[in-house]
Amino acid sequence: MKKFICLLLFICLFSPLKAEENNITVVCVHGFLRTKYSMHFMARALRAKGYRVILWGYPTHKKHIAEHGLDLKHFLINYDKEHPNTEFCFVTHSLGGLVVRSALSSNPPLRCTKAILLAPPNRGSAFGRLVGKIPLARSLVGRASGGELMTQYNFDYLGQFPSTIKLLIIAGTSGKSKLIELPHDGKVTLMETHLPSANYEHKAHSANHTFIMNNPKVQDDTIDFLNR
């Protein structure tokens, strides 16, 4: 009996905890002109592995990126007040990666430990700048974050991720158009997904920009990174 009790205590103390028991919350942040529901299948895959998931939505074209970042920071602070000691991780798509980057670049709130950026235009978007030459397109997306995506060659003015946050960038390479440099995902080139620093992991899959978050291999890489 004594051996059984010791074994039971050992299992309880040293067996891996599930994500929810660890108080980990994964915040999914969608891309430009999308809604939080575009991250539904990614969220479903994460929940199946035991993660608590928040689909954070925001009106992408109505504010500048830094303003969205501030809104996200306020959301995280308020959420933590209701759920103390939450550990935040992020899964983002496109513009969402820039929003999280802005939110965490200066005095990052609370306990933010990991971020997986899917198809982030860290060095701008050649496709966006190309479309930005069309007056009708400029009028449709507005002058806020849409204007930034159509003009910027990098987003270093948003700041950088803190060195304490572990980063994984996943790029898509299934784009075929020769209007922008290959390889690309249809909107963002492989090179444009890279950050200025070298402190991150980088992977690429044959996926397109719009639906990269639904790619099974991308979902597997995301979950594997969170599980480490």
Foldseek 3Di string as FASTA:
>chain_A
DVVVVVVVVCCVVPPDDQQVVVQEEEEEEEDAPDFLCLLVLLVVLVVVRPHHYDSDGDNRLPAALLVLLCVVQVVVVVVCVVVPPHAYEYEYAASRVLSVFLNAQPPNDDHYAEYEYEAYQQQAKPQLLVLLVDVVQDVVSDCHHSVCNNDGRHDCVSGGHDLRHAYEYEFAQQDDDPPDDPRHQVIHHPVSRDHPDPRYHYYYDHHHRSNPSNDPVSSVVVVVVVVD
